[in-house]
PDB file of all heavy atoms in Angstrom:
ATOM      1  N   THR A   1      37.689-180.157  87.202  1.00  0.00           N
ATOM      2  CA  THR A   1      38.415-181.169  87.990  1.00  0.00           C
ATOM      3  C   THR A   1      39.826-180.612  88.521  1.00  0.00           C
ATOM      4  O   THR A   1      40.097-181.123  89.616  1.00  0.00           O
ATOM      5  CB  THR A   1      38.606-182.326  86.954  1.00  0.00           C
ATOM      6  OG1 THR A   1      39.451-181.889  85.888  1.00  0.00           O
ATOM      7  CG2 THR A   1      37.351-183.092  86.472  1.00  0.00           C
ATOM      8  N   ASP A   2      40.405-179.763  87.801  1.00  0.00           N
ATOM      9  CA  ASP A   2      41.674-179.271  88.269  1.00  0.00           C
ATOM     10  C   ASP A   2      41.732-177.790  87.715  1.00  0.00           C
ATOM     11  O   ASP A   2      42.228-177.528  86.611  1.00  0.00           O
ATOM     12  CB  ASP A   2      42.862-180.106  87.661  1.00  0.00           C
ATOM     13  CG  ASP A   2      44.146-179.731  88.234  1.00  0.00           C
ATOM     14  OD1 ASP A   2      44.340-178.623  88.799  1.00  0.00           O
ATOM     15  OD2 ASP A   2      45.201-180.535  88.248  1.00  0.00           O
ATOM     16  N   LEU A   3      41.439-176.914  88.641  1.00  0.00           N
ATOM     17  CA  LEU A   3      41.271-175.404  88.302  1.00  0.00           C
ATOM     18  C   LEU A   3      42.653-174.926  87.700  1.00  0.00           C
ATOM     19  O   LEU A   3      42.656-174.321  86.753  1.00  0.00           O
ATOM     20  CB  LEU A   3      40.791-174.621  89.586  1.00  0.00           C
ATOM     21  CG  LEU A   3      40.634-173.140  89.212  1.00  0.00           C
ATOM     22  CD1 LEU A   3      39.443-172.994  88.169  1.00  0.00           C
ATOM     23  CD2 LEU A   3      40.275-172.424  90.438  1.00  0.00           C
ATOM     24  N   SER A   4      43.798-175.256  88.290  1.00  0.00           N
ATOM     25  CA  SER A   4      45.016-174.741  87.986  1.00  0.00           C
ATOM     26  C   SER A   4      45.386-175.173  86.485  1.00  0.00           C
ATOM     27  O   SER A   4      45.613-174.370  85.735  1.00  0.00           O
ATOM     28  CB  SER A   4      46.105-175.209  89.060  1.00  0.00           C
ATOM     29  OG  SER A   4      47.324-174.651  88.561  1.00  0.00           O
ATOM     30  N   ARG A   5      45.228-176.596  86.380  1.00  0.00           N
ATOM     31  CA  ARG A   5      45.535-177.031  85.124  1.00  0.00           C
ATOM     32  C   ARG A   5      44.568-176.597  83.930  1.00  0.00           C
ATOM     33  O   ARG A   5      44.933-176.342  82.824  1.00  0.00           O
ATOM     34  CB  ARG A   5      45.702-178.529  85.113  1.00  0.00           C
ATOM     35  CG  ARG A   5      45.939-179.232  83.830  1.00  0.00           C
ATOM     36  CD  ARG A   5      46.590-180.595  83.981  1.00  0.00           C
ATOM     37  NE  ARG A   5      47.833-180.603  84.596  1.00  0.00           N
ATOM     38  CZ  ARG A   5      48.716-181.709  84.789  1.00  0.00           C
ATOM     39  NH1 ARG A   5      48.157-182.873  84.434  1.00  0.00           N
ATOM     40  NH2 ARG A   5      49.706-181.608  85.420  1.00  0.00           N
ATOM     41  N   GLY A   6      43.333-176.360  84.212  1.00  0.00           N
ATOM     42  CA  GLY A   6      42.323-175.952  83.458  1.00  0.00           C
ATOM     43  C   GLY A   6      42.546-174.583  82.988  1.00  0.00           C
ATOM     44  O   GLY A   6      42.467-174.152  81.818  1.00  0.00           O
ATOM     45  N   LEU A   7      43.124-173.631  83.899  1.00  0.00           N
ATOM     46  CA  LEU A   7      43.237-172.235  83.488  1.00  0.00           C
ATOM     47  C   LEU A   7      44.558-172.281  82.682  1.00  0.00           C
ATOM     48  O   LEU A   7      44.563-171.542  81.715  1.00  0.00           O
ATOM     49  CB  LEU A   7      43.556-171.473  84.797  1.00  0.00           C
ATOM     50  CG  LEU A   7      42.387-171.140  85.608  1.00  0.00           C
ATOM     51  CD1 LEU A   7      42.746-170.388  86.943  1.00  0.00           C
ATOM     52  CD2 LEU A   7      41.342-170.234  84.815  1.00  0.00           C
ATOM     53  N   THR A   8      45.487-173.170  82.912  1.00  0.00           N
ATOM     54  CA  THR A   8      46.613-173.235  81.995  1.00  0.00           C
ATOM     55  C   THR A   8      46.267-173.668  80.562  1.00  0.00           C
ATOM     56  O   THR A   8      46.701-172.977  79.595  1.00  0.00           O
ATOM     57  CB  THR A   8      47.681-174.185  82.426  1.00  0.00           C
ATOM     58  OG1 THR A   8      48.173-173.792  83.820  1.00  0.00           O
ATOM     59  CG2 THR A   8      48.945-174.276  81.730  1.00  0.00           C
ATOM     60  N   ALA A   9      45.414-174.576  80.560  1.00  0.00           N
ATOM     61  CA  ALA A   9      44.901-174.972  79.123  1.00  0.00           C
ATOM     62  C   ALA A   9      44.063-173.990  78.635  1.00  0.00           C
ATOM     63  O   ALA A   9      44.146-173.783  77.271  1.00  0.00           O
ATOM     64  CB  ALA A   9      43.981-176.384  79.440  1.00  0.00           C
ATOM     65  N   LEU A  10      43.320-173.167  79.345  1.00  0.00           N
ATOM     66  CA  LEU A  10      42.580-172.088  78.763  1.00  0.00           C
ATOM     67  C   LEU A  10      43.451-170.920  78.249  1.00  0.00           C
ATOM     68  O   LEU A  10      43.153-170.421  77.099  1.00  0.00           O
ATOM     69  CB  LEU A  10      41.575-171.617  79.821  1.00  0.00           C
ATOM     70  CG  LEU A  10      40.293-170.865  79.223  1.00  0.00           C
ATOM     71  CD1 LEU A  10      39.485-171.697  78.491  1.00  0.00           C
ATOM     72  CD2 LEU A  10      39.515-170.362  80.437  1.00  0.00           C
ATOM     73  N   HIS A  11      44.501-170.580  78.921  1.00  0.00           N
ATOM     74  CA  HIS A  11      45.399-169.744  78.480  1.00  0.00           C
ATOM     75  C   HIS A  11      46.156-170.108  77.233  1.00  0.00           C
ATOM     76  O   HIS A  11      46.344-169.361  76.388  1.00  0.00           O
ATOM     77  CB  HIS A  11      46.536-169.418  79.609  1.00  0.00           C
ATOM     78  CG  HIS A  11      46.006-168.733  80.743  1.00  0.00           C
ATOM     79  ND1 HIS A  11      46.499-168.825  82.045  1.00  0.00           N
ATOM     80  CD2 HIS A  11      45.095-167.883  80.907  1.00  0.00           C
ATOM     81  CE1 HIS A  11      45.899-168.022  82.906  1.00  0.00           C
ATOM     82  NE2 HIS A  11      45.017-167.436  82.299  1.00  0.00           N
ATOM     83  N   ILE A  12      46.464-171.402  77.196  1.00  0.00           N
ATOM     84  CA  ILE A  12      47.118-172.023  75.940  1.00  0.00           C
ATOM     85  C   ILE A  12      46.086-171.766  74.758  1.00  0.00           C
ATOM     86  O   ILE A  12      46.542-171.373  73.714  1.00  0.00           O
ATOM     87  CB  ILE A  12      47.466-173.483  76.070  1.00  0.00           C
ATOM     88  CG1 ILE A  12      48.683-173.588  77.142  1.00  0.00           C
ATOM     89  CG2 ILE A  12      47.780-173.989  74.778  1.00  0.00           C
ATOM     90  CD1 ILE A  12      48.917-175.001  77.507  1.00  0.00           C
ATOM     91  N   SER A  13      44.843-172.108  74.985  1.00  0.00           N
ATOM     92  CA  SER A  13      43.749-172.048  73.881  1.00  0.00           C
ATOM     93  C   SER A  13      43.681-170.590  73.461  1.00  0.00           C
ATOM     94  O   SER A  13      43.647-170.380  72.218  1.00  0.00           O
ATOM     95  CB  SER A  13      42.580-172.561  74.436  1.00  0.00           C
ATOM     96  OG  SER A  13      42.490-173.904  74.811  1.00  0.00           O
ATOM     97  N   ALA A  14      43.731-169.615  74.368  1.00  0.00           N
ATOM     98  CA  ALA A  14      43.541-168.226  74.012  1.00  0.00           C
ATOM     99  C   ALA A  14      44.626-167.807  73.102  1.00  0.00           C
ATOM    100  O   ALA A  14      44.518-167.055  72.129  1.00  0.00           O
ATOM    101  CB  ALA A  14      43.329-167.366  75.239  1.00  0.00           C
ATOM    102  N   TRP A  15      45.919-168.149  73.566  1.00  0.00           N
ATOM    103  CA  TRP A  15      47.007-167.672  72.709  1.00  0.00           C
ATOM    104  C   TRP A  15      47.060-168.433  71.377  1.00  0.00           C
ATOM    105  O   TRP A  15      47.703-167.757  70.343  1.00  0.00           O
ATOM    106  CB  TRP A  15      48.367-167.955  73.560  1.00  0.00           C
ATOM    107  CG  TRP A  15      48.450-166.867  74.494  1.00  0.00           C
ATOM    108  CD1 TRP A  15      48.275-166.964  75.933  1.00  0.00           C
ATOM    109  CD2 TRP A  15      49.058-165.531  74.287  1.00  0.00           C
ATOM    110  NE1 TRP A  15      48.580-165.794  76.465  1.00  0.00           N
ATOM    111  CE2 TRP A  15      49.048-164.927  75.460  1.00  0.00           C
ATOM    112  CE3 TRP A  15      49.478-164.950  73.127  1.00  0.00           C
ATOM    113  CZ2 TRP A  15      49.464-163.538  75.662  1.00  0.00           C
ATOM    114  CZ3 TRP A  15      49.800-163.631  73.327  1.00  0.00           C
ATOM    115  CH2 TRP A  15      49.909-162.891  74.611  1.00  0.00           C
ATOM    116  N   LEU A  16      46.535-169.593  71.312  1.00  0.00           N
ATOM    117  CA  LEU A  16      46.557-170.302  70.028  1.00  0.00           C
ATOM    118  C   LEU A  16      45.529-169.690  69.012  1.00  0.00           C
ATOM    119  O   LEU A  16      45.777-169.408  68.020  1.00  0.00           O
ATOM    120  CB  LEU A  16      46.170-171.702  70.119  1.00  0.00           C
ATOM    121  CG  LEU A  16      47.187-172.671  70.829  1.00  0.00           C
ATOM    122  CD1 LEU A  16      46.597-174.072  70.916  1.00  0.00           C
ATOM    123  CD2 LEU A  16      48.472-172.689  70.019  1.00  0.00           C
ATOM    124  N   TRP A  17      44.435-169.170  69.644  1.00  0.00           N
ATOM    125  CA  TRP A  17      43.405-168.366  68.788  1.00  0.00           C
ATOM    126  C   TRP A  17      43.789-167.248  68.410  1.00  0.00           C
ATOM    127  O   TRP A  17      43.629-166.629  67.320  1.00  0.00           O
ATOM    128  CB  TRP A  17      42.079-168.328  69.553  1.00  0.00           C
ATOM    129  CG  TRP A  17      41.276-169.592  69.668  1.00  0.00           C
ATOM    130  CD1 TRP A  17      40.881-170.322  70.691  1.00  0.00           C
ATOM    131  CD2 TRP A  17      40.703-170.353  68.529  1.00  0.00           C
ATOM    132  NE1 TRP A  17      40.124-171.458  70.356  1.00  0.00           N
ATOM    133  CE2 TRP A  17      39.968-171.340  68.986  1.00  0.00           C
ATOM    134  CE3 TRP A  17      40.794-170.103  67.117  1.00  0.00           C
ATOM    135  CZ2 TRP A  17      39.337-172.350  68.239  1.00  0.00           C
ATOM    136  CZ3 TRP A  17      40.106-170.973  66.308  1.00  0.00           C
ATOM    137  CH2 TRP A  17      39.406-172.030  66.781  1.00  0.00           C
ATOM    138  N   ILE A  18      44.605-166.503  69.238  1.00  0.00           N
ATOM    139  CA  ILE A  18      45.249-165.175  68.909  1.00  0.00           C
ATOM    140  C   ILE A  18      46.100-165.272  67.700  1.00  0.00           C
ATOM    141  O   ILE A  18      46.096-164.443  66.743  1.00  0.00           O
ATOM    142  CB  ILE A  18      46.100-164.532  70.125  1.00  0.00           C
ATOM    143  CG1 ILE A  18      45.056-164.156  71.170  1.00  0.00           C
ATOM    144  CG2 ILE A  18      46.882-163.348  69.715  1.00  0.00           C
ATOM    145  CD1 ILE A  18      45.613-163.675  72.403  1.00  0.00           C
ATOM    146  N   ALA A  19      46.965-166.295  67.654  1.00  0.00           N
ATOM    147  CA  ALA A  19      47.844-166.562  66.615  1.00  0.00           C
ATOM    148  C   ALA A  19      47.060-166.727  65.257  1.00  0.00           C
ATOM    149  O   ALA A  19      47.524-166.241  64.253  1.00  0.00           O
ATOM    150  CB  ALA A  19      48.871-167.842  66.844  1.00  0.00           C
ATOM    151  N   VAL A  20      45.931-167.628  65.425  1.00  0.00           N
ATOM    152  CA  VAL A  20      45.165-167.877  64.133  1.00  0.00           C
ATOM    153  C   VAL A  20      44.509-166.574  63.623  1.00  0.00           C
ATOM    154  O   VAL A  20      44.495-166.290  62.434  1.00  0.00           O
ATOM    155  CB  VAL A  20      44.074-168.917  64.419  1.00  0.00           C
ATOM    156  CG1 VAL A  20      43.126-169.036  63.351  1.00  0.00           C
ATOM    157  CG2 VAL A  20      44.745-170.273  64.835  1.00  0.00           C
ATOM    158  N   LEU A  21      43.965-165.815  64.424  1.00  0.00           N
ATOM    159  CA  LEU A  21      43.256-164.465  64.239  1.00  0.00           C
ATOM    160  C   LEU A  21      44.141-163.583  63.569  1.00  0.00           C
ATOM    161  O   LEU A  21      43.915-162.733  62.759  1.00  0.00           O
ATOM    162  CB  LEU A  21      42.539-163.927  65.408  1.00  0.00           C
ATOM    163  CG  LEU A  21      41.326-164.716  65.868  1.00  0.00           C
ATOM    164  CD1 LEU A  21      40.745-164.130  67.223  1.00  0.00           C
ATOM    165  CD2 LEU A  21      40.188-164.734  64.728  1.00  0.00           C
ATOM    166  N   PHE A  22      45.381-163.373  64.106  1.00  0.00           N
ATOM    167  CA  PHE A  22      46.506-162.456  63.557  1.00  0.00           C
ATOM    168  C   PHE A  22      46.734-162.878  62.069  1.00  0.00           C
ATOM    169  O   PHE A  22      46.820-162.045  61.259  1.00  0.00           O
ATOM    170  CB  PHE A  22      47.658-162.553  64.409  1.00  0.00           C
ATOM    171  CG  PHE A  22      48.730-161.688  63.752  1.00  0.00           C
ATOM    172  CD1 PHE A  22      48.802-160.264  63.776  1.00  0.00           C
ATOM    173  CD2 PHE A  22      49.808-162.243  63.021  1.00  0.00           C
ATOM    174  CE1 PHE A  22      49.733-159.485  63.206  1.00  0.00           C
ATOM    175  CE2 PHE A  22      50.722-161.495  62.390  1.00  0.00           C
ATOM    176  CZ  PHE A  22      50.729-160.152  62.375  1.00  0.00           C
ATOM    177  N   ALA A  23      46.928-164.167  61.879  1.00  0.00           N
ATOM    178  CA  ALA A  23      47.242-164.757  60.472  1.00  0.00           C
ATOM    179  C   ALA A  23      45.996-164.359  59.561  1.00  0.00           C
ATOM    180  O   ALA A  23      46.291-163.908  58.406  1.00  0.00           O
ATOM    181  CB  ALA A  23      47.561-166.225  60.514  1.00  0.00           C
ATOM    182  N   ASN A  24      44.864-164.517  60.088  1.00  0.00           N
ATOM    183  CA  ASN A  24      43.754-164.260  59.349  1.00  0.00           C
ATOM    184  C   ASN A  24      43.605-162.829  58.902  1.00  0.00           C
ATOM    185  O   ASN A  24      43.146-162.393  57.913  1.00  0.00           O
ATOM    186  CB  ASN A  24      42.465-164.664  59.901  1.00  0.00           C
ATOM    187  CG  ASN A  24      42.272-166.197  59.896  1.00  0.00           C
ATOM    188  OD1 ASN A  24      42.959-166.974  59.237  1.00  0.00           O
ATOM    189  ND2 ASN A  24      41.192-166.702  60.722  1.00  0.00           N
ATOM    190  N   PHE A  25      43.820-162.020  59.905  1.00  0.00           N
ATOM    191  CA  PHE A  25      43.920-160.551  59.751  1.00  0.00           C
ATOM    192  C   PHE A  25      44.889-160.072  58.721  1.00  0.00           C
ATOM    193  O   PHE A  25      44.490-159.344  57.850  1.00  0.00           O
ATOM    194  CB  PHE A  25      44.156-159.748  61.148  1.00  0.00           C
ATOM    195  CG  PHE A  25      44.190-158.306  61.052  1.00  0.00           C
ATOM    196  CD1 PHE A  25      43.053-157.589  61.080  1.00  0.00           C
ATOM    197  CD2 PHE A  25      45.380-157.608  60.876  1.00  0.00           C
ATOM    198  CE1 PHE A  25      43.060-156.174  60.909  1.00  0.00           C
ATOM    199  CE2 PHE A  25      45.429-156.244  60.919  1.00  0.00           C
ATOM    200  CZ  PHE A  25      44.281-155.588  60.792  1.00  0.00           C
ATOM    201  N   ALA A  26      46.046-160.610  58.751  1.00  0.00           N
ATOM    202  CA  ALA A  26      47.070-160.138  57.757  1.00  0.00           C
ATOM    203  C   ALA A  26      46.622-160.658  56.416  1.00  0.00           C
ATOM    204  O   ALA A  26      46.870-159.938  55.458  1.00  0.00           O
ATOM    205  CB  ALA A  26      48.397-160.759  58.159  1.00  0.00           C
ATOM    206  N   GLU A  27      45.997-161.812  56.287  1.00  0.00           N
ATOM    207  CA  GLU A  27      45.584-162.342  54.999  1.00  0.00           C
ATOM    208  C   GLU A  27      44.473-161.467  54.405  1.00  0.00           C
ATOM    209  O   GLU A  27      44.377-161.067  53.322  1.00  0.00           O
ATOM    210  CB  GLU A  27      45.069-163.714  55.072  1.00  0.00           C
ATOM    211  CG  GLU A  27      44.733-164.392  53.703  1.00  0.00           C
ATOM    212  CD  GLU A  27      44.398-165.782  53.864  1.00  0.00           C
ATOM    213  OE1 GLU A  27      44.290-166.259  54.960  1.00  0.00           O
ATOM    214  OE2 GLU A  27      43.930-166.445  52.836  1.00  0.00           O
ATOM    215  N   ALA A  28      43.534-161.142  55.304  1.00  0.00           N
ATOM    216  CA  ALA A  28      42.403-160.282  54.984  1.00  0.00           C
ATOM    217  C   ALA A  28      42.910-158.836  54.534  1.00  0.00           C
ATOM    218  O   ALA A  28      42.197-158.283  53.537  1.00  0.00           O
ATOM    219  CB  ALA A  28      41.387-160.142  56.084  1.00  0.00           C
ATOM    220  N   LEU A  29      43.746-158.376  55.232  1.00  0.00           N
ATOM    221  CA  LEU A  29      44.280-157.110  54.867  1.00  0.00           C
ATOM    222  C   LEU A  29      44.988-157.074  53.377  1.00  0.00           C
ATOM    223  O   LEU A  29      44.719-156.156  52.600  1.00  0.00           O
ATOM    224  CB  LEU A  29      45.386-156.554  55.847  1.00  0.00           C
ATOM    225  CG  LEU A  29      45.547-155.106  55.969  1.00  0.00           C
ATOM    226  CD1 LEU A  29      44.242-154.367  56.458  1.00  0.00           C
ATOM    227  CD2 LEU A  29      46.672-154.766  57.155  1.00  0.00           C
ATOM    228  N   ALA A  30      45.680-158.195  53.199  1.00  0.00           N
ATOM    229  CA  ALA A  30      46.294-158.344  51.892  1.00  0.00           C
ATOM    230  C   ALA A  30      45.190-158.485  50.840  1.00  0.00           C
ATOM    231  O   ALA A  30      45.319-157.899  49.796  1.00  0.00           O
ATOM    232  CB  ALA A  30      47.187-159.520  51.862  1.00  0.00           C
ATOM    233  N   GLU A  31      44.263-159.156  51.082  1.00  0.00           N
ATOM    234  CA  GLU A  31      43.151-159.365  50.083  1.00  0.00           C
ATOM    235  C   GLU A  31      42.337-158.167  49.793  1.00  0.00           C
ATOM    236  O   GLU A  31      41.781-157.934  48.679  1.00  0.00           O
ATOM    237  CB  GLU A  31      42.212-160.530  50.582  1.00  0.00           C
ATOM    238  CG  GLU A  31      42.863-161.879  50.511  1.00  0.00           C
ATOM    239  CD  GLU A  31      41.844-163.062  51.057  1.00  0.00           C
ATOM    240  OE1 GLU A  31      40.715-162.546  51.462  1.00  0.00           O
ATOM    241  OE2 GLU A  31      42.136-164.163  51.051  1.00  0.00           O
ATOM    242  N   GLY A  32      42.399-157.286  50.736  1.00  0.00           N
ATOM    243  CA  GLY A  32      41.625-156.041  50.670  1.00  0.00           C
ATOM    244  C   GLY A  32      42.277-155.160  49.474  1.00  0.00           C
ATOM    245  O   GLY A  32      41.751-154.182  49.096  1.00  0.00           O
ATOM    246  N   ARG A  33      43.547-155.394  49.171  1.00  0.00           N
ATOM    247  CA  ARG A  33      44.206-154.564  48.102  1.00  0.00           C
ATOM    248  C   ARG A  33      43.801-155.137  46.777  1.00  0.00           C
ATOM    249  O   ARG A  33      44.131-154.551  45.707  1.00  0.00           O
ATOM    250  CB  ARG A  33      45.727-154.822  48.210  1.00  0.00           C
ATOM    251  CG  ARG A  33      46.249-154.282  49.476  1.00  0.00           C
ATOM    252  CD  ARG A  33      46.296-152.779  49.563  1.00  0.00           C
ATOM    253  NE  ARG A  33      46.949-152.347  50.752  1.00  0.00           N
ATOM    254  CZ  ARG A  33      48.063-151.488  50.690  1.00  0.00           C
ATOM    255  NH1 ARG A  33      48.615-151.081  49.670  1.00  0.00           N
ATOM    256  NH2 ARG A  33      48.665-151.050  51.882  1.00  0.00           N
ATOM    257  N   GLY A  34      43.103-156.249  46.666  1.00  0.00           N
ATOM    258  CA  GLY A  34      42.694-156.695  45.404  1.00  0.00           C
ATOM    259  C   GLY A  34      41.499-156.219  44.900  1.00  0.00           C
ATOM    260  O   GLY A  34      40.858-155.344  45.456  1.00  0.00           O
ATOM    261  N   ARG A  35      40.850-156.778  43.929  1.00  0.00           N
ATOM    262  CA  ARG A  35      39.561-156.449  43.307  1.00  0.00           C
ATOM    263  C   ARG A  35      39.055-157.525  42.395  1.00  0.00           C
ATOM    264  O   ARG A  35      39.751-158.370  41.953  1.00  0.00           O
ATOM    265  CB  ARG A  35      39.697-155.026  42.510  1.00  0.00           C
ATOM    266  CG  ARG A  35      40.475-154.913  41.322  1.00  0.00           C
ATOM    267  CD  ARG A  35      41.415-155.551  40.774  1.00  0.00           C
ATOM    268  NE  ARG A  35      42.180-155.696  39.661  1.00  0.00           N
ATOM    269  CZ  ARG A  35      42.702-156.945  39.462  1.00  0.00           C
ATOM    270  NH1 ARG A  35      42.389-157.916  40.313  1.00  0.00           N
ATOM    271  NH2 ARG A  35      43.453-157.048  38.525  1.00  0.00           N
ATOM    272  N   ALA A  36      37.857-157.388  42.088  1.00  0.00           N
ATOM    273  CA  ALA A  36      37.039-158.322  41.093  1.00  0.00           C
ATOM    274  C   ALA A  36      37.359-157.812  39.672  1.00  0.00           C
ATOM    275  O   ALA A  36      36.685-156.868  39.285  1.00  0.00           O
ATOM    276  CB  ALA A  36      35.593-158.552  41.570  1.00  0.00           C
ATOM    277  N   ARG A  37      38.025-158.504  38.856  1.00  0.00           N
ATOM    278  CA  ARG A  37      38.509-157.931  37.668  1.00  0.00           C
ATOM    279  C   ARG A  37      37.270-157.849  36.628  1.00  0.00           C
ATOM    280  O   ARG A  37      36.973-156.842  36.052  1.00  0.00           O
ATOM    281  CB  ARG A  37      39.508-158.823  37.014  1.00  0.00           C
ATOM    282  CG  ARG A  37      40.881-158.714  37.703  1.00  0.00           C
ATOM    283  CD  ARG A  37      41.838-159.634  37.005  1.00  0.00           C
ATOM    284  NE  ARG A  37      43.175-159.498  37.544  1.00  0.00           N
ATOM    285  CZ  ARG A  37      43.429-160.266  38.670  1.00  0.00           C
ATOM    286  NH1 ARG A  37      42.595-161.104  39.157  1.00  0.00           N
ATOM    287  NH2 ARG A  37      44.616-160.071  39.359  1.00  0.00           N
ATOM    288  N   ALA A  38      36.521-158.932  36.543  1.00  0.00           N
ATOM    289  CA  ALA A  38      35.385-158.945  35.593  1.00  0.00           C
ATOM    290  C   ALA A  38      34.340-157.908  36.028  1.00  0.00           C
ATOM    291  O   ALA A  38      33.795-157.175  35.188  1.00  0.00           O
ATOM    292  CB  ALA A  38      34.773-160.356  35.434  1.00  0.00           C
ATOM    293  N   ASP A  39      33.978-157.923  37.341  1.00  0.00           N
ATOM    294  CA  ASP A  39      33.104-156.902  37.723  1.00  0.00           C
ATOM    295  C   ASP A  39      33.426-155.407  37.516  1.00  0.00           C
ATOM    296  O   ASP A  39      32.557-154.688  37.114  1.00  0.00           O
ATOM    297  CB  ASP A  39      32.792-157.090  39.297  1.00  0.00           C
ATOM    298  CG  ASP A  39      32.119-158.381  39.640  1.00  0.00           C
ATOM    299  OD1 ASP A  39      31.532-159.027  38.599  1.00  0.00           O
ATOM    300  OD2 ASP A  39      32.156-158.803  40.706  1.00  0.00           O
ATOM    301  N   SER A  40      34.832-155.188  37.684  1.00  0.00           N
ATOM    302  CA  SER A  40      35.262-153.814  37.369  1.00  0.00           C
ATOM    303  C   SER A  40      35.279-153.457  36.008  1.00  0.00           C
ATOM    304  O   SER A  40      34.939-152.342  35.684  1.00  0.00           O
ATOM    305  CB  SER A  40      36.719-153.727  37.984  1.00  0.00           C
ATOM    306  OG  SER A  40      36.753-153.964  39.361  1.00  0.00           O
ATOM    307  N   LEU A  41      35.457-154.525  35.134  1.00  0.00           N
ATOM    308  CA  LEU A  41      35.235-154.263  33.682  1.00  0.00           C
ATOM    309  C   LEU A  41      33.971-153.844  33.317  1.00  0.00           C
ATOM    310  O   LEU A  41      33.674-152.856  32.632  1.00  0.00           O
ATOM    311  CB  LEU A  41      35.729-155.518  32.792  1.00  0.00           C
ATOM    312  CG  LEU A  41      37.191-155.728  32.643  1.00  0.00           C
ATOM    313  CD1 LEU A  41      37.341-157.143  32.084  1.00  0.00           C
ATOM    314  CD2 LEU A  41      37.817-154.723  31.705  1.00  0.00           C
ATOM    315  N   ARG A  42      32.972-154.563  33.849  1.00  0.00           N
ATOM    316  CA  ARG A  42      31.597-154.228  33.621  1.00  0.00           C
ATOM    317  C   ARG A  42      31.148-152.788  34.205  1.00  0.00           C
ATOM    318  O   ARG A  42      30.393-152.035  33.587  1.00  0.00           O
ATOM    319  CB  ARG A  42      30.752-155.358  34.207  1.00  0.00           C
ATOM    320  CG  ARG A  42      30.763-156.631  33.632  1.00  0.00           C
ATOM    321  CD  ARG A  42      29.781-157.561  34.195  1.00  0.00           C
ATOM    322  NE  ARG A  42      29.870-158.923  33.446  1.00  0.00           N
ATOM    323  CZ  ARG A  42      30.699-160.023  33.986  1.00  0.00           C
ATOM    324  NH1 ARG A  42      31.201-159.862  35.218  1.00  0.00           N
ATOM    325  NH2 ARG A  42      30.740-161.068  33.370  1.00  0.00           N
ATOM    326  N   ALA A  43      31.729-152.565  35.334  1.00  0.00           N
ATOM    327  CA  ALA A  43      31.512-151.251  35.954  1.00  0.00           C
ATOM    328  C   ALA A  43      32.109-150.106  35.104  1.00  0.00           C
ATOM    329  O   ALA A  43      31.418-149.055  34.843  1.00  0.00           O
ATOM    330  CB  ALA A  43      32.050-151.113  37.404  1.00  0.00           C
ATOM    331  N   SER A  44      33.162-150.336  34.644  1.00  0.00           N
ATOM    332  CA  SER A  44      33.844-149.224  33.725  1.00  0.00           C
ATOM    333  C   SER A  44      32.959-149.039  32.475  1.00  0.00           C
ATOM    334  O   SER A  44      32.908-147.922  31.922  1.00  0.00           O
ATOM    335  CB  SER A  44      35.232-149.702  33.310  1.00  0.00           C
ATOM    336  OG  SER A  44      35.285-150.779  32.491  1.00  0.00           O
ATOM    337  N   ARG A  45      32.406-150.058  31.897  1.00  0.00           N
ATOM    338  CA  ARG A  45      31.598-149.964  30.814  1.00  0.00           C
ATOM    339  C   ARG A  45      30.270-149.182  31.108  1.00  0.00           C
ATOM    340  O   ARG A  45      29.916-148.274  30.276  1.00  0.00           O
ATOM    341  CB  ARG A  45      31.154-151.400  30.302  1.00  0.00           C
ATOM    342  CG  ARG A  45      30.209-151.348  29.032  1.00  0.00           C
ATOM    343  CD  ARG A  45      29.910-152.814  28.630  1.00  0.00           C
ATOM    344  NE  ARG A  45      29.431-153.603  29.673  1.00  0.00           N
ATOM    345  CZ  ARG A  45      29.329-154.925  29.588  1.00  0.00           C
ATOM    346  NH1 ARG A  45      29.555-155.463  28.563  1.00  0.00           N
ATOM    347  NH2 ARG A  45      28.877-155.608  30.549  1.00  0.00           N
TER     348      ARG A  45
END
């Protein structure tokens, strides 16, 4: 209906998703430092 306004909305959406993915990436990276304690205990045995 309105190409100009539609592109602006699409740009807004893209940048919002970028912010979400970056936060997810940082959280996933932090979780990668962890481990499953009970599973590791069994593995060490």
